[in-house]
C-alpha atoms as a PDB file:
ATOM      1  CA  UNK A   1     119.001  -8.080  77.740  1.00  0.00           C
ATOM      2  CA  UNK A   2     122.520  -7.941  79.201  1.00  0.00           C
ATOM      3  CA  UNK A   3     123.042  -9.761  82.505  1.00  0.00           C
ATOM      4  CA  UNK A   4     123.788  -7.524  85.473  1.00  0.00           C
ATOM      5  CA  UNK A   5     127.173  -9.155  86.110  1.00  0.00           C
ATOM      6  CA  UNK A   6     128.256  -8.601  82.490  1.00  0.00           C
ATOM      7  CA  UNK A   7     127.076  -4.985  82.585  1.00  0.00           C
ATOM      8  CA  UNK A   8     129.031  -4.363  85.773  1.00  0.00           C
ATOM      9  CA  UNK A   9     132.190  -5.821  84.227  1.00  0.00           C
ATOM     10  CA  UNK A  10     131.868  -3.671  81.093  1.00  0.00           C
ATOM     11  CA  UNK A  11     131.183  -0.486  83.060  1.00  0.00           C
ATOM     12  CA  UNK A  12     134.236  -1.133  85.252  1.00  0.00           C
ATOM     13  CA  UNK A  13     136.518  -1.716  82.270  1.00  0.00           C
ATOM     14  CA  UNK A  14     135.578   1.306  80.135  1.00  0.00           C
ATOM     15  CA  UNK A  15     136.121   5.020  80.638  1.00  0.00           C
ATOM     16  CA  UNK A  16     133.437   5.966  78.142  1.00  0.00           C
ATOM     17  CA  UNK A  17     129.664   5.808  78.286  1.00  0.00           C
ATOM     18  CA  UNK A  18     127.702   2.552  78.714  1.00  0.00           C
ATOM     19  CA  UNK A  19     123.888   2.275  78.496  1.00  0.00           C
ATOM     20  CA  UNK A  20     121.398  -0.575  78.352  1.00  0.00           C
ATOM     21  CA  UNK A  21     118.162  -0.861  76.341  1.00  0.00           C
ATOM     22  CA  UNK A  22     119.058   2.318  74.468  1.00  0.00           C
ATOM     23  CA  UNK A  23     116.442   3.361  71.851  1.00  0.00           C
ATOM     24  CA  UNK A  24     118.256   3.515  68.524  1.00  0.00           C
ATOM     25  CA  UNK A  25     115.716   6.071  67.306  1.00  0.00           C
ATOM     26  CA  UNK A  26     117.834   8.562  69.283  1.00  0.00           C
ATOM     27  CA  UNK A  27     120.891   7.744  67.209  1.00  0.00           C
ATOM     28  CA  UNK A  28     119.659   7.520  63.608  1.00  0.00           C
ATOM     29  CA  UNK A  29     118.803  10.375  61.272  1.00  0.00           C
ATOM     30  CA  UNK A  30     115.566   8.539  60.369  1.00  0.00           C
ATOM     31  CA  UNK A  31     114.581   8.729  64.074  1.00  0.00           C
ATOM     32  CA  UNK A  32     113.577   5.072  63.793  1.00  0.00           C
ATOM     33  CA  UNK A  33     114.811   1.967  65.578  1.00  0.00           C
ATOM     34  CA  UNK A  34     114.188  -0.359  68.490  1.00  0.00           C
ATOM     35  CA  UNK A  35     116.491  -0.662  71.523  1.00  0.00           C
ATOM     36  CA  UNK A  36     120.066  -1.902  71.579  1.00  0.00           C
ATOM     37  CA  UNK A  37     120.807  -4.309  74.421  1.00  0.00           C
ATOM     38  CA  UNK A  38     124.030  -2.445  75.097  1.00  0.00           C
ATOM     39  CA  UNK A  39     125.156   0.970  73.860  1.00  0.00           C
ATOM     40  CA  UNK A  40     128.827   1.882  74.257  1.00  0.00           C
ATOM     41  CA  UNK A  41     130.484   5.199  73.449  1.00  0.00           C
ATOM     42  CA  UNK A  42     134.271   4.752  73.913  1.00  0.00           C
ATOM     43  CA  UNK A  43     136.227   7.759  75.111  1.00  0.00           C
ATOM     44  CA  UNK A  44     139.085   7.235  72.626  1.00  0.00           C
ATOM     45  CA  UNK A  45     140.820   4.587  70.505  1.00  0.00           C
ATOM     46  CA  UNK A  46     142.380   2.897  73.527  1.00  0.00           C
ATOM     47  CA  UNK A  47     138.955   2.644  75.148  1.00  0.00           C
ATOM     48  CA  UNK A  48     137.544   1.221  71.911  1.00  0.00           C
ATOM     49  CA  UNK A  49     140.164  -1.552  71.885  1.00  0.00           C
ATOM     50  CA  UNK A  50     139.323  -2.427  75.485  1.00  0.00           C
ATOM     51  CA  UNK A  51     135.646  -2.632  74.524  1.00  0.00           C
ATOM     52  CA  UNK A  52     136.302  -4.844  71.502  1.00  0.00           C
ATOM     53  CA  UNK A  53     138.504  -7.238  73.489  1.00  0.00           C
ATOM     54  CA  UNK A  54     135.980  -7.474  76.315  1.00  0.00           C
ATOM     55  CA  UNK A  55     132.986  -8.020  74.039  1.00  0.00           C
ATOM     56  CA  UNK A  56     134.924 -10.802  72.298  1.00  0.00           C
ATOM     57  CA  UNK A  57     135.737 -12.453  75.639  1.00  0.00           C
ATOM     58  CA  UNK A  58     132.104 -12.182  76.723  1.00  0.00           C
ATOM     59  CA  UNK A  59     130.947 -13.523  73.328  1.00  0.00           C
ATOM     60  CA  UNK A  60     128.654 -10.551  72.813  1.00  0.00           C
ATOM     61  CA  UNK A  61     128.025  -9.603  69.156  1.00  0.00           C
ATOM     62  CA  UNK A  62     128.726  -5.983  68.278  1.00  0.00           C
ATOM     63  CA  UNK A  63     128.363  -3.483  65.481  1.00  0.00           C
ATOM     64  CA  UNK A  64     129.471   0.092  64.971  1.00  0.00           C
ATOM     65  CA  UNK A  65     127.617   3.284  64.106  1.00  0.00           C
ATOM     66  CA  UNK A  66     128.719   6.858  63.563  1.00  0.00           C
ATOM     67  CA  UNK A  67     126.151   9.574  62.913  1.00  0.00           C
ATOM     68  CA  UNK A  68     123.370   7.074  62.207  1.00  0.00           C
ATOM     69  CA  UNK A  69     122.757   8.311  58.687  1.00  0.00           C
ATOM     70  CA  UNK A  70     122.276   5.785  55.871  1.00  0.00           C
ATOM     71  CA  UNK A  71     121.062   3.351  58.533  1.00  0.00           C
ATOM     72  CA  UNK A  72     117.720   1.647  59.233  1.00  0.00           C
ATOM     73  CA  UNK A  73     117.454  -0.111  62.589  1.00  0.00           C
ATOM     74  CA  UNK A  74     114.545  -2.549  62.670  1.00  0.00           C
ATOM     75  CA  UNK A  75     111.783  -2.273  65.259  1.00  0.00           C
ATOM     76  CA  UNK A  76     112.953  -5.238  67.337  1.00  0.00           C
ATOM     77  CA  UNK A  77     116.227  -3.472  68.048  1.00  0.00           C
ATOM     78  CA  UNK A  78     119.758  -4.857  68.183  1.00  0.00           C
ATOM     79  CA  UNK A  79     120.923  -7.820  70.215  1.00  0.00           C
ATOM     80  CA  UNK A  80     124.382  -7.444  71.684  1.00  0.00           C
ATOM     81  CA  UNK A  81     126.300  -4.173  71.630  1.00  0.00           C
ATOM     82  CA  UNK A  82     126.250  -1.043  69.510  1.00  0.00           C
ATOM     83  CA  UNK A  83     129.505   0.912  69.563  1.00  0.00           C
ATOM     84  CA  UNK A  84     129.198   4.636  68.830  1.00  0.00           C
ATOM     85  CA  UNK A  85     132.413   6.287  67.590  1.00  0.00           C
ATOM     86  CA  UNK A  86     131.374   9.915  68.078  1.00  0.00           C
ATOM     87  CA  UNK A  87     134.263  10.724  70.420  1.00  0.00           C
ATOM     88  CA  UNK A  88     136.925   9.497  67.999  1.00  0.00           C
ATOM     89  CA  UNK A  89     137.146  12.824  66.168  1.00  0.00           C
ATOM     90  CA  UNK A  90     140.778  13.915  66.070  1.00  0.00           C
ATOM     91  CA  UNK A  91     142.082  15.705  62.976  1.00  0.00           C
ATOM     92  CA  UNK A  92     145.783  16.162  62.147  1.00  0.00           C
ATOM     93  CA  UNK A  93     147.226  18.403  59.401  1.00  0.00           C
ATOM     94  CA  UNK A  94     150.891  18.091  60.436  1.00  0.00           C
ATOM     95  CA  UNK A  95     151.746  16.104  57.269  1.00  0.00           C
ATOM     96  CA  UNK A  96     149.651  18.175  54.842  1.00  0.00           C
ATOM     97  CA  UNK A  97     148.650  17.581  52.074  1.00  0.00           C
ATOM     98  CA  UNK A  98     148.337  14.206  53.833  1.00  0.00           C
ATOM     99  CA  UNK A  99     145.526  14.481  56.371  1.00  0.00           C
ATOM    100  CA  UNK A 100     144.974  12.053  59.239  1.00  0.00           C
ATOM    101  CA  UNK A 101     141.521  11.859  60.810  1.00  0.00           C
ATOM    102  CA  UNK A 102     139.638   9.582  63.162  1.00  0.00           C
ATOM    103  CA  UNK A 103     136.502   7.765  62.103  1.00  0.00           C
ATOM    104  CA  UNK A 104     134.032   9.593  64.335  1.00  0.00           C
ATOM    105  CA  UNK A 105     134.815  12.986  62.782  1.00  0.00           C
ATOM    106  CA  UNK A 106     131.832  14.473  60.949  1.00  0.00           C
ATOM    107  CA  UNK A 107     132.473  14.426  57.217  1.00  0.00           C
ATOM    108  CA  UNK A 108     131.223  18.002  56.890  1.00  0.00           C
ATOM    109  CA  UNK A 109     133.724  19.136  59.538  1.00  0.00           C
ATOM    110  CA  UNK A 110     136.502  17.507  57.519  1.00  0.00           C
ATOM    111  CA  UNK A 111     135.304  19.204  54.302  1.00  0.00           C
ATOM    112  CA  UNK A 112     135.262  22.646  55.931  1.00  0.00           C
ATOM    113  CA  UNK A 113     138.576  22.312  57.769  1.00  0.00           C
ATOM    114  CA  UNK A 114     140.483  21.080  54.726  1.00  0.00           C
ATOM    115  CA  UNK A 115     139.159  23.934  52.565  1.00  0.00           C
ATOM    116  CA  UNK A 116     140.293  26.463  55.189  1.00  0.00           C
ATOM    117  CA  UNK A 117     143.806  25.074  54.820  1.00  0.00           C
ATOM    118  CA  UNK A 118     143.810  25.300  51.017  1.00  0.00           C
ATOM    119  CA  UNK A 119     143.409  21.563  50.565  1.00  0.00           C
ATOM    120  CA  UNK A 120     141.025  20.289  47.880  1.00  0.00           C
ATOM    121  CA  UNK A 121     139.441  17.014  46.863  1.00  0.00           C
ATOM    122  CA  UNK A 122     136.536  16.849  49.291  1.00  0.00           C
ATOM    123  CA  UNK A 123     134.551  19.984  48.415  1.00  0.00           C
ATOM    124  CA  UNK A 124     131.930  18.210  46.295  1.00  0.00           C
ATOM    125  CA  UNK A 125     131.082  15.965  49.233  1.00  0.00           C
ATOM    126  CA  UNK A 126     129.748  18.978  51.135  1.00  0.00           C
ATOM    127  CA  UNK A 127     126.406  18.262  52.716  1.00  0.00           C
ATOM    128  CA  UNK A 128     126.755  14.484  52.901  1.00  0.00           C
ATOM    129  CA  UNK A 129     125.717  13.544  56.442  1.00  0.00           C
ATOM    130  CA  UNK A 130     127.630  11.081  58.518  1.00  0.00           C
ATOM    131  CA  UNK A 131     131.139  10.493  59.749  1.00  0.00           C
ATOM    132  CA  UNK A 132     134.451   9.712  58.094  1.00  0.00           C
ATOM    133  CA  UNK A 133     134.303   6.048  59.129  1.00  0.00           C
ATOM    134  CA  UNK A 134     130.935   5.538  57.504  1.00  0.00           C
ATOM    135  CA  UNK A 135     132.030   7.489  54.441  1.00  0.00           C
ATOM    136  CA  UNK A 136     135.062   5.189  54.055  1.00  0.00           C
ATOM    137  CA  UNK A 137     132.971   2.047  54.560  1.00  0.00           C
ATOM    138  CA  UNK A 138     130.484   3.030  51.841  1.00  0.00           C
ATOM    139  CA  UNK A 139     132.928   4.982  49.653  1.00  0.00           C
ATOM    140  CA  UNK A 140     130.768   8.099  49.832  1.00  0.00           C
ATOM    141  CA  UNK A 141     130.694  10.195  46.696  1.00  0.00           C
ATOM    142  CA  UNK A 142     129.041  13.130  44.949  1.00  0.00           C
ATOM    143  CA  UNK A 143     129.653  15.351  41.955  1.00  0.00           C
ATOM    144  CA  UNK A 144     132.258  13.024  40.473  1.00  0.00           C
ATOM    145  CA  UNK A 145     134.323  12.826  43.671  1.00  0.00           C
ATOM    146  CA  UNK A 146     134.608   9.618  45.698  1.00  0.00           C
ATOM    147  CA  UNK A 147     136.283   9.398  49.070  1.00  0.00           C
ATOM    148  CA  UNK A 148     138.020   6.143  48.166  1.00  0.00           C
ATOM    149  CA  UNK A 149     140.102   7.911  45.525  1.00  0.00           C
ATOM    150  CA  UNK A 150     141.669  10.055  48.263  1.00  0.00           C
ATOM    151  CA  UNK A 151     142.274   7.323  50.827  1.00  0.00           C
ATOM    152  CA  UNK A 152     145.898   6.320  51.224  1.00  0.00           C
ATOM    153  CA  UNK A 153     145.657   4.077  54.298  1.00  0.00           C
ATOM    154  CA  UNK A 154     143.014   3.091  56.835  1.00  0.00           C
ATOM    155  CA  UNK A 155     143.462   1.947  60.426  1.00  0.00           C
ATOM    156  CA  UNK A 156     141.164  -0.932  61.350  1.00  0.00           C
ATOM    157  CA  UNK A 157     140.514  -2.130  64.889  1.00  0.00           C
ATOM    158  CA  UNK A 158     139.384  -5.508  66.151  1.00  0.00           C
ATOM    159  CA  UNK A 159     139.546  -7.569  69.328  1.00  0.00           C
ATOM    160  CA  UNK A 160     143.236  -8.269  68.707  1.00  0.00           C
ATOM    161  CA  UNK A 161     144.241  -4.633  68.176  1.00  0.00           C
ATOM    162  CA  UNK A 162     144.794  -2.190  65.334  1.00  0.00           C
ATOM    163  CA  UNK A 163     146.151  -2.854  61.852  1.00  0.00           C
ATOM    164  CA  UNK A 164     146.791  -0.669  58.824  1.00  0.00           C
ATOM    165  CA  UNK A 165     145.298  -1.402  55.408  1.00  0.00           C
ATOM    166  CA  UNK A 166     146.017   0.285  52.108  1.00  0.00           C
ATOM    167  CA  UNK A 167     143.380   1.622  49.747  1.00  0.00           C
ATOM    168  CA  UNK A 168     144.274  -1.177  47.341  1.00  0.00           C
ATOM    169  CA  UNK A 169     143.446  -3.789  49.969  1.00  0.00           C
ATOM    170  CA  UNK A 170     140.046  -2.189  50.580  1.00  0.00           C
ATOM    171  CA  UNK A 171     139.149  -2.440  46.864  1.00  0.00           C
ATOM    172  CA  UNK A 172     136.894   0.594  46.752  1.00  0.00           C
ATOM    173  CA  UNK A 173     133.968   0.398  44.317  1.00  0.00           C
ATOM    174  CA  UNK A 174     130.716   2.270  43.819  1.00  0.00           C
ATOM    175  CA  UNK A 175     129.304   2.836  47.312  1.00  0.00           C
ATOM    176  CA  UNK A 176     131.333   0.017  48.807  1.00  0.00           C
ATOM    177  CA  UNK A 177     134.656  -1.073  50.280  1.00  0.00           C
ATOM    178  CA  UNK A 178     135.857  -4.586  51.074  1.00  0.00           C
ATOM    179  CA  UNK A 179     136.191  -4.271  54.845  1.00  0.00           C
ATOM    180  CA  UNK A 180     137.161  -7.481  56.666  1.00  0.00           C
ATOM    181  CA  UNK A 181     134.683  -8.999  59.088  1.00  0.00           C
ATOM    182  CA  UNK A 182     134.967  -8.200  62.791  1.00  0.00           C
ATOM    183  CA  UNK A 183     136.910  -4.995  62.120  1.00  0.00           C
ATOM    184  CA  UNK A 184     135.959  -1.340  62.355  1.00  0.00           C
ATOM    185  CA  UNK A 185     137.452   1.743  60.684  1.00  0.00           C
ATOM    186  CA  UNK A 186     139.009   3.942  63.370  1.00  0.00           C
ATOM    187  CA  UNK A 187     141.108   6.343  61.288  1.00  0.00           C
ATOM    188  CA  UNK A 188     142.136   7.152  57.738  1.00  0.00           C
ATOM    189  CA  UNK A 189     144.888   9.022  55.950  1.00  0.00           C
ATOM    190  CA  UNK A 190     143.782  11.028  52.926  1.00  0.00           C
ATOM    191  CA  UNK A 191     145.979  12.504  50.235  1.00  0.00           C
ATOM    192  CA  UNK A 192     144.518  15.865  49.208  1.00  0.00           C
ATOM    193  CA  UNK A 193     145.692  18.455  46.696  1.00  0.00           C
ATOM    194  CA  UNK A 194     146.708  22.057  47.145  1.00  0.00           C
ATOM    195  CA  UNK A 195     144.015  24.485  46.029  1.00  0.00           C
ATOM    196  CA  UNK A 196     142.794  28.004  46.684  1.00  0.00           C
ATOM    197  CA  UNK A 197     140.691  28.016  49.825  1.00  0.00           C
ATOM    198  CA  UNK A 198     138.372  30.806  48.685  1.00  0.00           C
ATOM    199  CA  UNK A 199     137.485  28.858  45.532  1.00  0.00           C
ATOM    200  CA  UNK A 200     136.900  25.683  47.544  1.00  0.00           C
ATOM    201  CA  UNK A 201     134.663  27.450  50.038  1.00  0.00           C
ATOM    202  CA  UNK A 202     132.615  28.981  47.242  1.00  0.00           C
ATOM    203  CA  UNK A 203     132.037  25.536  45.750  1.00  0.00           C
ATOM    204  CA  UNK A 204     131.102  24.187  49.188  1.00  0.00           C
ATOM    205  CA  UNK A 205     128.545  26.972  49.570  1.00  0.00           C
ATOM    206  CA  UNK A 206     127.090  26.238  46.135  1.00  0.00           C
ATOM    207  CA  UNK A 207     126.950  22.490  46.846  1.00  0.00           C
ATOM    208  CA  UNK A 208     125.106  23.087  50.109  1.00  0.00           C
ATOM    209  CA  UNK A 209     122.608  25.384  48.405  1.00  0.00           C
ATOM    210  CA  UNK A 210     122.053  22.834  45.653  1.00  0.00           C
ATOM    211  CA  UNK A 211     121.469  20.069  48.205  1.00  0.00           C
ATOM    212  CA  UNK A 212     118.979  22.193  50.108  1.00  0.00           C
ATOM    213  CA  UNK A 213     117.063  22.876  46.897  1.00  0.00           C
ATOM    214  CA  UNK A 214     116.949  19.263  45.736  1.00  0.00           C
ATOM    215  CA  UNK A 215     117.135  17.320  49.000  1.00  0.00           C
ATOM    216  CA  UNK A 216     115.697  19.637  51.649  1.00  0.00           C
ATOM    217  CA  UNK A 217     112.802  17.284  52.340  1.00  0.00           C
ATOM    218  CA  UNK A 218     111.946  18.754  55.726  1.00  0.00           C
ATOM    219  CA  UNK A 219     111.477  15.476  57.603  1.00  0.00           C
ATOM    220  CA  UNK A 220     113.796  12.887  59.207  1.00  0.00           C
ATOM    221  CA  UNK A 221     115.381  10.721  56.523  1.00  0.00           C
ATOM    222  CA  UNK A 222     118.470   8.657  55.754  1.00  0.00           C
ATOM    223  CA  UNK A 223     119.427  10.244  52.445  1.00  0.00           C
ATOM    224  CA  UNK A 224     119.259   8.215  49.258  1.00  0.00           C
ATOM    225  CA  UNK A 225     117.524   4.908  49.916  1.00  0.00           C
ATOM    226  CA  UNK A 226     118.579   3.085  46.724  1.00  0.00           C
ATOM    227  CA  UNK A 227     121.809   2.952  44.740  1.00  0.00           C
ATOM    228  CA  UNK A 228     121.869   4.345  41.223  1.00  0.00           C
ATOM    229  CA  UNK A 229     121.886   1.419  38.762  1.00  0.00           C
ATOM    230  CA  UNK A 230     124.540   1.619  36.007  1.00  0.00           C
ATOM    231  CA  UNK A 231     123.583   4.356  33.565  1.00  0.00           C
ATOM    232  CA  UNK A 232     120.429   5.255  35.488  1.00  0.00           C
ATOM    233  CA  UNK A 233     119.304   7.462  38.357  1.00  0.00           C
ATOM    234  CA  UNK A 234     117.227   5.795  41.035  1.00  0.00           C
ATOM    235  CA  UNK A 235     114.979   8.813  41.636  1.00  0.00           C
ATOM    236  CA  UNK A 236     113.995   8.939  37.970  1.00  0.00           C
ATOM    237  CA  UNK A 237     113.126   5.237  37.949  1.00  0.00           C
ATOM    238  CA  UNK A 238     111.008   5.703  41.080  1.00  0.00           C
ATOM    239  CA  UNK A 239     109.289   8.701  39.511  1.00  0.00           C
ATOM    240  CA  UNK A 240     108.520   6.852  36.291  1.00  0.00           C
ATOM    241  CA  UNK A 241     107.060   4.007  38.326  1.00  0.00           C
ATOM    242  CA  UNK A 242     104.598   6.480  39.863  1.00  0.00           C
ATOM    243  CA  UNK A 243     105.887   6.139  43.428  1.00  0.00           C
ATOM    244  CA  UNK A 244     106.573   9.807  44.260  1.00  0.00           C
ATOM    245  CA  UNK A 245     104.495  10.590  47.361  1.00  0.00           C
ATOM    246  CA  UNK A 246     103.570   6.936  48.025  1.00  0.00           C
ATOM    247  CA  UNK A 247     102.915   6.127  51.697  1.00  0.00           C
ATOM    248  CA  UNK A 248     102.934   3.164  54.056  1.00  0.00           C
ATOM    249  CA  UNK A 249     101.970   4.030  57.618  1.00  0.00           C
ATOM    250  CA  UNK A 250     104.125   6.951  58.714  1.00  0.00           C
ATOM    251  CA  UNK A 251     106.688   6.491  55.908  1.00  0.00           C
ATOM    252  CA  UNK A 252     106.389   8.437  52.671  1.00  0.00           C
ATOM    253  CA  UNK A 253     108.367   8.844  49.453  1.00  0.00           C
ATOM    254  CA  UNK A 254     109.390  12.489  49.447  1.00  0.00           C
ATOM    255  CA  UNK A 255     107.589  14.785  47.020  1.00  0.00           C
ATOM    256  CA  UNK A 256     110.809  16.750  46.562  1.00  0.00           C
ATOM    257  CA  UNK A 257     113.256  13.894  46.020  1.00  0.00           C
ATOM    258  CA  UNK A 258     111.766  10.507  45.246  1.00  0.00           C
ATOM    259  CA  UNK A 259     114.843   8.513  46.316  1.00  0.00           C
ATOM    260  CA  UNK A 260     114.256   9.778  49.853  1.00  0.00           C
ATOM    261  CA  UNK A 261     111.794   8.137  52.248  1.00  0.00           C
ATOM    262  CA  UNK A 262     110.807  10.462  55.077  1.00  0.00           C
ATOM    263  CA  UNK A 263     109.524   9.753  58.558  1.00  0.00           C
ATOM    264  CA  UNK A 264     106.320  11.740  58.904  1.00  0.00           C
ATOM    265  CA  UNK A 265     106.605  11.467  62.687  1.00  0.00           C
ATOM    266  CA  UNK A 266     105.255   7.998  63.423  1.00  0.00           C
ATOM    267  CA  UNK A 267     107.037   5.764  60.899  1.00  0.00           C
ATOM    268  CA  UNK A 268     108.308   2.373  61.974  1.00  0.00           C
ATOM    269  CA  UNK A 269     111.099   0.422  60.338  1.00  0.00           C
ATOM    270  CA  UNK A 270     108.433  -2.000  59.121  1.00  0.00           C
ATOM    271  CA  UNK A 271     106.685   0.892  57.343  1.00  0.00           C
ATOM    272  CA  UNK A 272     109.932   1.862  55.626  1.00  0.00           C
ATOM    273  CA  UNK A 273     110.810  -1.709  54.615  1.00  0.00           C
ATOM    274  CA  UNK A 274     107.321  -2.303  53.232  1.00  0.00           C
ATOM    275  CA  UNK A 275     107.503   0.909  51.224  1.00  0.00           C
ATOM    276  CA  UNK A 276     110.974   0.003  49.938  1.00  0.00           C
ATOM    277  CA  UNK A 277     109.660  -3.374  48.770  1.00  0.00           C
ATOM    278  CA  UNK A 278     106.751  -1.707  46.991  1.00  0.00           C
ATOM    279  CA  UNK A 279     109.139   0.683  45.231  1.00  0.00           C
ATOM    280  CA  UNK A 280     111.379  -2.179  44.111  1.00  0.00           C
ATOM    281  CA  UNK A 281     108.394  -4.123  42.809  1.00  0.00           C
ATOM    282  CA  UNK A 282     106.908  -1.188  40.892  1.00  0.00           C
ATOM    283  CA  UNK A 283     110.257  -0.135  39.431  1.00  0.00           C
ATOM    284  CA  UNK A 284     111.023  -3.688  38.313  1.00  0.00           C
ATOM    285  CA  UNK A 285     107.624  -4.082  36.670  1.00  0.00           C
ATOM    286  CA  UNK A 286     107.963  -0.705  34.926  1.00  0.00           C
ATOM    287  CA  UNK A 287     111.615  -0.862  33.855  1.00  0.00           C
ATOM    288  CA  UNK A 288     112.939  -4.374  34.474  1.00  0.00           C
ATOM    289  CA  UNK A 289     115.566  -2.940  36.847  1.00  0.00           C
ATOM    290  CA  UNK A 290     116.016  -4.196  40.404  1.00  0.00           C
ATOM    291  CA  UNK A 291     116.923  -1.347  42.758  1.00  0.00           C
ATOM    292  CA  UNK A 292     119.499  -2.207  45.422  1.00  0.00           C
ATOM    293  CA  UNK A 293     119.278  -0.534  48.845  1.00  0.00           C
ATOM    294  CA  UNK A 294     121.961   1.997  49.656  1.00  0.00           C
ATOM    295  CA  UNK A 295     120.873   2.182  53.291  1.00  0.00           C
ATOM    296  CA  UNK A 296     122.233  -0.403  55.707  1.00  0.00           C
ATOM    297  CA  UNK A 297     119.512  -2.461  57.422  1.00  0.00           C
ATOM    298  CA  UNK A 298     120.357  -3.892  60.869  1.00  0.00           C
ATOM    299  CA  UNK A 299     118.592  -5.363  63.863  1.00  0.00           C
ATOM    300  CA  UNK A 300     115.606  -7.656  64.298  1.00  0.00           C
ATOM    301  CA  UNK A 301     111.995  -7.273  63.104  1.00  0.00           C
END
């Protein structure tokens, strides 16, 4: 819990929203997660910097979330502060085909708006949930496109202010980027290519239809749970290990897409973690391959 005096100081310093004991199940696509001691939603980048400086001074640990996809918050919740970047959503096309966007912008919004301006490179990412900041941090990709290939520079923020990093410094790799500790992505500049908007929008429509067919699992989920091992597809390995439809408590491997674990309505993070461990064990015994989680696991048991 956050002491009353500390809470008062934080509320006085920030223009954005501040809550205590906030259930993280409200802020994850899995609809799972215990409470965060402190939940902060900065109004803008200036407000974010104030929050980061103050949390550092108060020696309160913090972590950042966007849309809460690709995230499992454990049942004991999160000690310290969670910073939600949803209000950092500005989008600037004044330097097109260079596009500047803030980290809280929904990735799908970015995909649609760039296609409307005849700018390509993101269309195959259509349907990926989450925000631009999260997509940069995990180098989101689909259909042969990866966000990291389009990133020119990224603005990072920390207690001491903002700094600009190049794509080379971030060393993008499969589903990862080398972000420095105690920093958060607040904006990125992407270099897109000129393309015919009608063609881009048709591909976006087809991608969305394809995702609904293959990934429309009908229950709260976090997308793909495990990374694809080199030369393999995680869902096929899970299938071959006989884990499609497997259940632990309220968590179940989706019948439609076996790299998805769905919340049947009462799943806890413990249910999900236990099921993940069972999948890893069965896959390893069947194929000799150790599946690595793609979802980020935070908080306390």
